[in-house]
Amino acid sequence: MTTGRRGRVKRRRSARHRATRRTAPTGDLRRFHVLSEAGARNAATALSQILGRPLRLAVPWARVLPLEKVKEMAGGASRVVCALSLKVYGEARGNLLVVFRREQVPILLGLVVPRAHAAPSGAGDGHTLNDMERSALMEIGNILACAYLNALSHLLGVSLLPSIPGLAVDMVGAVTDHLLIELAALADSAVVLASQVHEPASGLKGSIFFLPHPSALVVLGRAQVHRAPAARVGR
């Protein structure tokens, strides 16, 4: 085989490899959408019980996003957020993010931390958290993640376990960098399941994002799901 022919074959193989990465199967997005709604509904119920207030569940979505667009899912790469990041282990492994905008952190802490243990006035914006506040945020992340994954486990018929949550107050780009590095070795895009919960009285809003590992998409696509009517959750 001549050098020129070898080069053409190599380029064709490289092109086929890139095409395979771009068109990797993503399963049934309708099913993913319903999984997102079921997980968020269960998480919202858990948070409602903690707060003692009813929550509203915003319209969830499930999309295939180019990796470079993933940073935009929580308001843009430069937006500062309070993010709780968890690894998901089991047959549908992946990463779960619970995200509150930085300005939402004092609202959330005001609902869950006794005033006597709260940070001084003007603090509690995420950069000046005391030990009790950090512990409270991590516990909320753990409760929301467990509730979310319990709903998915029920629909998928598999066991899903969360890691201990990591807490970061940083730009969205920094929070998602480690996720993108992991996915970039496997695909050019990511399936993202997203939803938002809202407490109307205080204005509290939080977002939940599940980024399944590419190997989990077949399992998610087998889910036996049906859509539940939209409603408030909690008391």
C-alpha atoms as a PDB file:
ATOM      1  CA  MET A   1       0.000   0.000   0.000  1.00  0.00           C
ATOM      2  CA  THR A   2       1.420   3.370  -0.973  1.00  0.00           C
ATOM      3  CA  THR A   3       1.976   6.148   1.555  1.00  0.00           C
ATOM      4  CA  GLY A   4      -0.797   8.256  -0.017  1.00  0.00           C
ATOM      5  CA  ARG A   5      -3.301   5.391   0.140  1.00  0.00           C
ATOM      6  CA  ARG A   6      -2.394   4.639   3.769  1.00  0.00           C
ATOM      7  CA  GLY A   7      -3.043   8.299   4.599  1.00  0.00           C
ATOM      8  CA  ARG A   8      -6.469   8.241   2.931  1.00  0.00           C
ATOM      9  CA  VAL A   9      -7.472   5.056   4.797  1.00  0.00           C
ATOM     10  CA  LYS A  10      -6.294   6.518   8.097  1.00  0.00           C
ATOM     11  CA  ARG A  11      -8.302   9.705   7.504  1.00  0.00           C
ATOM     12  CA  ARG A  12     -11.431   7.693   6.646  1.00  0.00           C
ATOM     13  CA  ARG A  13     -11.053   5.632   9.857  1.00  0.00           C
ATOM     14  CA  SER A  14     -10.587   8.815  11.885  1.00  0.00           C
ATOM     15  CA  ALA A  15     -13.702  10.347  10.308  1.00  0.00           C
ATOM     16  CA  ARG A  16     -15.726   7.199  11.068  1.00  0.00           C
ATOM     17  CA  HIS A  17     -14.495   7.290  14.696  1.00  0.00           C
ATOM     18  CA  ARG A  18     -15.577  10.930  15.098  1.00  0.00           C
ATOM     19  CA  ALA A  19     -18.958  10.167  13.547  1.00  0.00           C
ATOM     20  CA  THR A  20     -19.445   7.254  15.938  1.00  0.00           C
ATOM     21  CA  ARG A  21     -18.710   9.520  18.894  1.00  0.00           C
ATOM     22  CA  ARG A  22     -21.171  12.155  17.665  1.00  0.00           C
ATOM     23  CA  THR A  23     -23.977   9.680  16.967  1.00  0.00           C
ATOM     24  CA  ALA A  24     -23.609   7.474  20.050  1.00  0.00           C
ATOM     25  CA  PRO A  25     -27.059   6.135  21.027  1.00  0.00           C
ATOM     26  CA  THR A  26     -28.869   8.297  23.576  1.00  0.00           C
ATOM     27  CA  GLY A  27     -31.936   6.138  24.118  1.00  0.00           C
ATOM     28  CA  ASP A  28     -35.453   7.484  24.262  1.00  0.00           C
ATOM     29  CA  LEU A  29     -35.451  11.157  25.326  1.00  0.00           C
ATOM     30  CA  ARG A  30     -39.134  10.959  26.178  1.00  0.00           C
ATOM     31  CA  ARG A  31     -38.356   8.296  28.742  1.00  0.00           C
ATOM     32  CA  PHE A  32     -35.464  10.339  30.056  1.00  0.00           C
ATOM     33  CA  HIS A  33     -37.789  13.332  30.427  1.00  0.00           C
ATOM     34  CA  VAL A  34     -40.214  11.333  32.546  1.00  0.00           C
ATOM     35  CA  LEU A  35     -37.367   9.913  34.620  1.00  0.00           C
ATOM     36  CA  SER A  36     -36.199  13.473  35.249  1.00  0.00           C
ATOM     37  CA  GLU A  37     -39.684  14.470  36.377  1.00  0.00           C
ATOM     38  CA  ALA A  38     -40.072  11.447  38.665  1.00  0.00           C
ATOM     39  CA  GLY A  39     -36.698  11.998  40.296  1.00  0.00           C
ATOM     40  CA  ALA A  40     -37.282  15.713  40.799  1.00  0.00           C
ATOM     41  CA  ARG A  41     -40.784  15.144  42.178  1.00  0.00           C
ATOM     42  CA  ASN A  42     -39.420  12.761  44.799  1.00  0.00           C
ATOM     43  CA  ALA A  43     -36.587  15.152  45.655  1.00  0.00           C
ATOM     44  CA  ALA A  44     -39.020  18.066  45.936  1.00  0.00           C
ATOM     45  CA  THR A  45     -41.201  16.054  48.307  1.00  0.00           C
ATOM     46  CA  ALA A  46     -38.161  15.358  50.488  1.00  0.00           C
ATOM     47  CA  LEU A  47     -37.126  19.034  50.527  1.00  0.00           C
ATOM     48  CA  SER A  48     -40.708  20.098  51.242  1.00  0.00           C
ATOM     49  CA  GLN A  49     -40.725  17.886  54.331  1.00  0.00           C
ATOM     50  CA  ILE A  50     -37.484  19.486  55.533  1.00  0.00           C
ATOM     51  CA  LEU A  51     -38.729  23.037  54.973  1.00  0.00           C
ATOM     52  CA  GLY A  52     -42.307  22.396  56.074  1.00  0.00           C
ATOM     53  CA  ARG A  53     -43.488  24.271  52.975  1.00  0.00           C
ATOM     54  CA  PRO A  54     -45.026  23.221  49.656  1.00  0.00           C
ATOM     55  CA  LEU A  55     -42.771  23.341  46.612  1.00  0.00           C
ATOM     56  CA  ARG A  56     -43.525  23.698  42.933  1.00  0.00           C
ATOM     57  CA  LEU A  57     -41.849  21.551  40.326  1.00  0.00           C
ATOM     58  CA  ALA A  58     -40.822  23.393  37.168  1.00  0.00           C
ATOM     59  CA  VAL A  59     -41.078  21.691  33.789  1.00  0.00           C
ATOM     60  CA  PRO A  60     -38.225  19.153  33.646  1.00  0.00           C
ATOM     61  CA  TRP A  61     -36.299  18.440  30.479  1.00  0.00           C
ATOM     62  CA  ALA A  62     -33.945  15.906  28.976  1.00  0.00           C
ATOM     63  CA  ARG A  63     -31.634  16.874  26.138  1.00  0.00           C
ATOM     64  CA  VAL A  64     -28.513  15.838  24.307  1.00  0.00           C
ATOM     65  CA  LEU A  65     -26.047  18.715  24.607  1.00  0.00           C
ATOM     66  CA  PRO A  66     -22.649  19.174  22.970  1.00  0.00           C
ATOM     67  CA  LEU A  67     -20.056  19.051  25.732  1.00  0.00           C
ATOM     68  CA  GLU A  68     -19.150  22.689  25.179  1.00  0.00           C
ATOM     69  CA  LYS A  69     -22.790  23.646  25.894  1.00  0.00           C
ATOM     70  CA  VAL A  70     -23.072  21.751  29.197  1.00  0.00           C
ATOM     71  CA  LYS A  71     -21.664  24.716  31.126  1.00  0.00           C
ATOM     72  CA  GLU A  72     -24.629  26.817  29.984  1.00  0.00           C
ATOM     73  CA  MET A  73     -27.221  24.541  31.585  1.00  0.00           C
ATOM     74  CA  ALA A  74     -27.006  26.289  34.976  1.00  0.00           C
ATOM     75  CA  GLY A  75     -26.822  29.878  33.795  1.00  0.00           C
ATOM     76  CA  GLY A  76     -23.499  30.085  31.991  1.00  0.00           C
ATOM     77  CA  ALA A  77     -19.886  29.188  32.701  1.00  0.00           C
ATOM     78  CA  SER A  78     -19.151  32.404  34.633  1.00  0.00           C
ATOM     79  CA  ARG A  79     -22.172  32.337  36.952  1.00  0.00           C
ATOM     80  CA  VAL A  80     -21.223  31.686  40.581  1.00  0.00           C
ATOM     81  CA  VAL A  81     -23.301  28.945  42.187  1.00  0.00           C
ATOM     82  CA  CYS A  82     -23.431  26.749  45.243  1.00  0.00           C
ATOM     83  CA  ALA A  83     -23.145  23.237  43.839  1.00  0.00           C
ATOM     84  CA  LEU A  84     -23.387  19.856  45.501  1.00  0.00           C
ATOM     85  CA  SER A  85     -21.797  17.199  43.325  1.00  0.00           C
ATOM     86  CA  LEU A  86     -22.276  13.461  43.762  1.00  0.00           C
ATOM     87  CA  LYS A  87     -21.125  10.397  41.903  1.00  0.00           C
ATOM     88  CA  VAL A  88     -23.860   7.882  41.126  1.00  0.00           C
ATOM     89  CA  TYR A  89     -22.894   4.226  41.344  1.00  0.00           C
ATOM     90  CA  GLY A  90     -24.777   1.193  40.076  1.00  0.00           C
ATOM     91  CA  GLU A  91     -26.115  -0.036  36.741  1.00  0.00           C
ATOM     92  CA  ALA A  92     -27.018   3.521  35.667  1.00  0.00           C
ATOM     93  CA  ARG A  93     -23.968   5.375  36.908  1.00  0.00           C
ATOM     94  CA  GLY A  94     -23.265   9.020  36.287  1.00  0.00           C
ATOM     95  CA  ASN A  95     -23.024  12.359  38.070  1.00  0.00           C
ATOM     96  CA  LEU A  96     -25.676  14.311  39.946  1.00  0.00           C
ATOM     97  CA  LEU A  97     -25.511  18.051  40.555  1.00  0.00           C
ATOM     98  CA  VAL A  98     -27.743  20.015  42.933  1.00  0.00           C
ATOM     99  CA  VAL A  99     -27.295  23.705  42.149  1.00  0.00           C
ATOM    100  CA  PHE A 100     -28.421  26.898  43.875  1.00  0.00           C
ATOM    101  CA  ARG A 101     -27.413  30.320  42.620  1.00  0.00           C
ATOM    102  CA  ARG A 102     -25.152  32.087  45.087  1.00  0.00           C
ATOM    103  CA  GLU A 103     -27.840  34.643  45.965  1.00  0.00           C
ATOM    104  CA  GLN A 104     -30.161  31.761  46.873  1.00  0.00           C
ATOM    105  CA  VAL A 105     -27.839  30.370  49.560  1.00  0.00           C
ATOM    106  CA  PRO A 106     -28.897  32.825  52.342  1.00  0.00           C
ATOM    107  CA  ILE A 107     -32.560  32.041  51.603  1.00  0.00           C
ATOM    108  CA  LEU A 108     -31.987  28.304  51.868  1.00  0.00           C
ATOM    109  CA  LEU A 109     -29.888  28.603  55.009  1.00  0.00           C
ATOM    110  CA  GLY A 110     -32.497  30.853  56.577  1.00  0.00           C
ATOM    111  CA  LEU A 111     -35.031  28.057  56.185  1.00  0.00           C
ATOM    112  CA  VAL A 112     -32.923  25.212  57.563  1.00  0.00           C
ATOM    113  CA  VAL A 113     -30.359  26.634  60.007  1.00  0.00           C
ATOM    114  CA  PRO A 114     -31.480  27.904  63.439  1.00  0.00           C
ATOM    115  CA  ARG A 115     -30.895  31.657  63.646  1.00  0.00           C
ATOM    116  CA  ALA A 116     -28.610  31.274  66.683  1.00  0.00           C
ATOM    117  CA  HIS A 117     -26.194  29.207  64.571  1.00  0.00           C
ATOM    118  CA  ALA A 118     -26.376  31.255  61.378  1.00  0.00           C
ATOM    119  CA  ALA A 119     -23.471  33.291  60.025  1.00  0.00           C
ATOM    120  CA  PRO A 120     -23.415  37.027  60.856  1.00  0.00           C
ATOM    121  CA  SER A 121     -25.636  39.355  58.853  1.00  0.00           C
ATOM    122  CA  GLY A 122     -24.251  39.870  55.380  1.00  0.00           C
ATOM    123  CA  ALA A 123     -22.402  36.556  55.443  1.00  0.00           C
ATOM    124  CA  GLY A 124     -23.746  33.167  54.395  1.00  0.00           C
ATOM    125  CA  ASP A 125     -23.283  33.957  50.701  1.00  0.00           C
ATOM    126  CA  GLY A 126     -21.376  30.722  50.202  1.00  0.00           C
ATOM    127  CA  HIS A 127     -17.867  32.076  50.685  1.00  0.00           C
ATOM    128  CA  THR A 128     -18.234  32.642  54.450  1.00  0.00           C
ATOM    129  CA  LEU A 129     -20.115  29.534  55.525  1.00  0.00           C
ATOM    130  CA  ASN A 130     -19.599  28.274  59.054  1.00  0.00           C
ATOM    131  CA  ASP A 131     -19.349  24.575  59.852  1.00  0.00           C
ATOM    132  CA  MET A 132     -23.037  24.185  60.664  1.00  0.00           C
ATOM    133  CA  GLU A 133     -24.103  25.857  57.436  1.00  0.00           C
ATOM    134  CA  ARG A 134     -21.761  23.730  55.328  1.00  0.00           C
ATOM    135  CA  SER A 135     -23.021  20.627  57.116  1.00  0.00           C
ATOM    136  CA  ALA A 136     -26.648  21.664  56.505  1.00  0.00           C
ATOM    137  CA  LEU A 137     -26.058  22.242  52.783  1.00  0.00           C
ATOM    138  CA  MET A 138     -24.304  18.903  52.380  1.00  0.00           C
ATOM    139  CA  GLU A 139     -27.112  17.135  54.218  1.00  0.00           C
ATOM    140  CA  ILE A 140     -29.674  18.783  51.942  1.00  0.00           C
ATOM    141  CA  GLY A 141     -27.672  17.652  48.917  1.00  0.00           C
ATOM    142  CA  ASN A 142     -27.516  14.112  50.269  1.00  0.00           C
ATOM    143  CA  ILE A 143     -31.265  13.999  51.002  1.00  0.00           C
ATOM    144  CA  LEU A 144     -32.196  15.386  47.568  1.00  0.00           C
ATOM    145  CA  ALA A 145     -29.822  12.994  45.796  1.00  0.00           C
ATOM    146  CA  CYS A 146     -31.106   9.950  47.677  1.00  0.00           C
ATOM    147  CA  ALA A 147     -34.729  10.891  47.009  1.00  0.00           C
ATOM    148  CA  TYR A 148     -34.010  11.539  43.308  1.00  0.00           C
ATOM    149  CA  LEU A 149     -32.146   8.270  42.859  1.00  0.00           C
ATOM    150  CA  ASN A 150     -34.737   6.270  44.795  1.00  0.00           C
ATOM    151  CA  ALA A 151     -37.354   7.317  42.243  1.00  0.00           C
ATOM    152  CA  LEU A 152     -35.095   6.326  39.357  1.00  0.00           C
ATOM    153  CA  SER A 153     -34.217   3.034  41.029  1.00  0.00           C
ATOM    154  CA  HIS A 154     -37.917   2.202  41.358  1.00  0.00           C
ATOM    155  CA  LEU A 155     -38.624   2.907  37.681  1.00  0.00           C
ATOM    156  CA  LEU A 156     -35.488   1.205  36.389  1.00  0.00           C
ATOM    157  CA  GLY A 157     -35.498  -1.788  38.710  1.00  0.00           C
ATOM    158  CA  VAL A 158     -31.816  -1.309  39.537  1.00  0.00           C
ATOM    159  CA  SER A 159     -29.860  -0.175  42.573  1.00  0.00           C
ATOM    160  CA  LEU A 160     -28.372   3.330  42.456  1.00  0.00           C
ATOM    161  CA  LEU A 161     -26.160   4.692  45.208  1.00  0.00           C
ATOM    162  CA  PRO A 162     -24.850   8.250  45.658  1.00  0.00           C
ATOM    163  CA  SER A 163     -21.398   9.158  46.898  1.00  0.00           C
ATOM    164  CA  ILE A 164     -20.826  11.609  49.726  1.00  0.00           C
ATOM    165  CA  PRO A 165     -21.633  15.058  48.296  1.00  0.00           C
ATOM    166  CA  GLY A 166     -18.898  17.522  47.520  1.00  0.00           C
ATOM    167  CA  LEU A 167     -19.718  21.185  48.195  1.00  0.00           C
ATOM    168  CA  ALA A 168     -18.325  23.993  46.060  1.00  0.00           C
ATOM    169  CA  VAL A 169     -19.124  27.675  45.704  1.00  0.00           C
ATOM    170  CA  ASP A 170     -17.604  28.542  42.354  1.00  0.00           C
ATOM    171  CA  MET A 171     -18.337  29.360  38.734  1.00  0.00           C
ATOM    172  CA  VAL A 172     -20.420  26.829  36.806  1.00  0.00           C
ATOM    173  CA  GLY A 173     -17.491  26.246  34.467  1.00  0.00           C
ATOM    174  CA  ALA A 174     -15.228  25.195  37.318  1.00  0.00           C
ATOM    175  CA  VAL A 175     -17.938  23.008  38.872  1.00  0.00           C
ATOM    176  CA  THR A 176     -18.552  21.087  35.639  1.00  0.00           C
ATOM    177  CA  ASP A 177     -14.951  20.819  34.411  1.00  0.00           C
ATOM    178  CA  HIS A 178     -14.290  17.433  36.030  1.00  0.00           C
ATOM    179  CA  LEU A 179     -17.508  16.033  34.548  1.00  0.00           C
ATOM    180  CA  LEU A 180     -16.594  17.177  31.051  1.00  0.00           C
ATOM    181  CA  ILE A 181     -13.072  15.781  31.253  1.00  0.00           C
ATOM    182  CA  GLU A 182     -14.522  12.365  32.105  1.00  0.00           C
ATOM    183  CA  LEU A 183     -17.108  12.484  29.316  1.00  0.00           C
ATOM    184  CA  ALA A 184     -14.792  13.923  26.656  1.00  0.00           C
ATOM    185  CA  ALA A 185     -12.861  10.664  26.526  1.00  0.00           C
ATOM    186  CA  LEU A 186     -16.059   8.828  25.581  1.00  0.00           C
ATOM    187  CA  ALA A 187     -18.340  11.126  23.598  1.00  0.00           C
ATOM    188  CA  ASP A 188     -18.735  14.550  22.024  1.00  0.00           C
ATOM    189  CA  SER A 189     -22.091  15.162  23.710  1.00  0.00           C
ATOM    190  CA  ALA A 190     -23.864  14.455  26.982  1.00  0.00           C
ATOM    191  CA  VAL A 191     -27.383  13.464  27.917  1.00  0.00           C
ATOM    192  CA  VAL A 192     -28.624  15.843  30.615  1.00  0.00           C
ATOM    193  CA  LEU A 193     -31.736  15.285  32.749  1.00  0.00           C
ATOM    194  CA  ALA A 194     -32.709  18.539  34.443  1.00  0.00           C
ATOM    195  CA  SER A 195     -35.443  19.955  36.650  1.00  0.00           C
ATOM    196  CA  GLN A 196     -36.042  22.824  39.043  1.00  0.00           C
ATOM    197  CA  VAL A 197     -37.887  23.112  42.349  1.00  0.00           C
ATOM    198  CA  HIS A 198     -39.334  26.396  43.610  1.00  0.00           C
ATOM    199  CA  GLU A 199     -40.619  27.520  47.008  1.00  0.00           C
ATOM    200  CA  PRO A 200     -42.964  30.427  46.153  1.00  0.00           C
ATOM    201  CA  ALA A 201     -43.121  32.159  49.546  1.00  0.00           C
ATOM    202  CA  SER A 202     -39.362  32.672  49.902  1.00  0.00           C
ATOM    203  CA  GLY A 203     -38.435  32.632  46.228  1.00  0.00           C
ATOM    204  CA  LEU A 204     -36.042  29.732  46.775  1.00  0.00           C
ATOM    205  CA  LYS A 205     -35.077  27.924  43.564  1.00  0.00           C
ATOM    206  CA  GLY A 206     -32.827  24.959  43.113  1.00  0.00           C
ATOM    207  CA  SER A 207     -31.883  22.885  40.071  1.00  0.00           C
ATOM    208  CA  ILE A 208     -31.070  19.196  39.800  1.00  0.00           C
ATOM    209  CA  PHE A 209     -28.999  17.827  36.925  1.00  0.00           C
ATOM    210  CA  PHE A 210     -28.284  14.174  36.226  1.00  0.00           C
ATOM    211  CA  LEU A 211     -25.609  13.399  33.655  1.00  0.00           C
ATOM    212  CA  PRO A 212     -25.659   9.640  33.059  1.00  0.00           C
ATOM    213  CA  HIS A 213     -22.525   7.877  31.922  1.00  0.00           C
ATOM    214  CA  PRO A 214     -22.814   6.772  28.246  1.00  0.00           C
ATOM    215  CA  SER A 215     -22.869   3.146  29.411  1.00  0.00           C
ATOM    216  CA  ALA A 216     -26.038   3.874  31.428  1.00  0.00           C
ATOM    217  CA  LEU A 217     -28.147   5.064  28.497  1.00  0.00           C
ATOM    218  CA  VAL A 218     -29.287   1.565  27.533  1.00  0.00           C
ATOM    219  CA  VAL A 219     -30.507   0.984  31.098  1.00  0.00           C
ATOM    220  CA  LEU A 220     -32.344   4.334  31.191  1.00  0.00           C
ATOM    221  CA  GLY A 221     -33.956   3.585  27.834  1.00  0.00           C
ATOM    222  CA  ARG A 222     -35.531   0.423  29.240  1.00  0.00           C
ATOM    223  CA  ALA A 223     -37.453   2.297  31.934  1.00  0.00           C
ATOM    224  CA  GLN A 224     -41.147   1.510  32.241  1.00  0.00           C
ATOM    225  CA  VAL A 225     -42.490   5.018  32.760  1.00  0.00           C
ATOM    226  CA  HIS A 226     -45.690   6.995  32.552  1.00  0.00           C
ATOM    227  CA  ARG A 227     -46.188  10.721  32.936  1.00  0.00           C
ATOM    228  CA  ALA A 228     -47.695  11.996  36.182  1.00  0.00           C
ATOM    229  CA  PRO A 229     -49.920  15.109  36.165  1.00  0.00           C
ATOM    230  CA  ALA A 230     -48.214  18.378  37.114  1.00  0.00           C
ATOM    231  CA  ALA A 231     -48.907  19.413  40.689  1.00  0.00           C
ATOM    232  CA  ARG A 232     -47.520  20.973  43.797  1.00  0.00           C
ATOM    233  CA  VAL A 233     -45.604  18.709  46.114  1.00  0.00           C
ATOM    234  CA  GLY A 234     -45.408  18.789  49.863  1.00  0.00           C
ATOM    235  CA  ARG A 235     -47.812  19.997  52.463  1.00  0.00           C
END
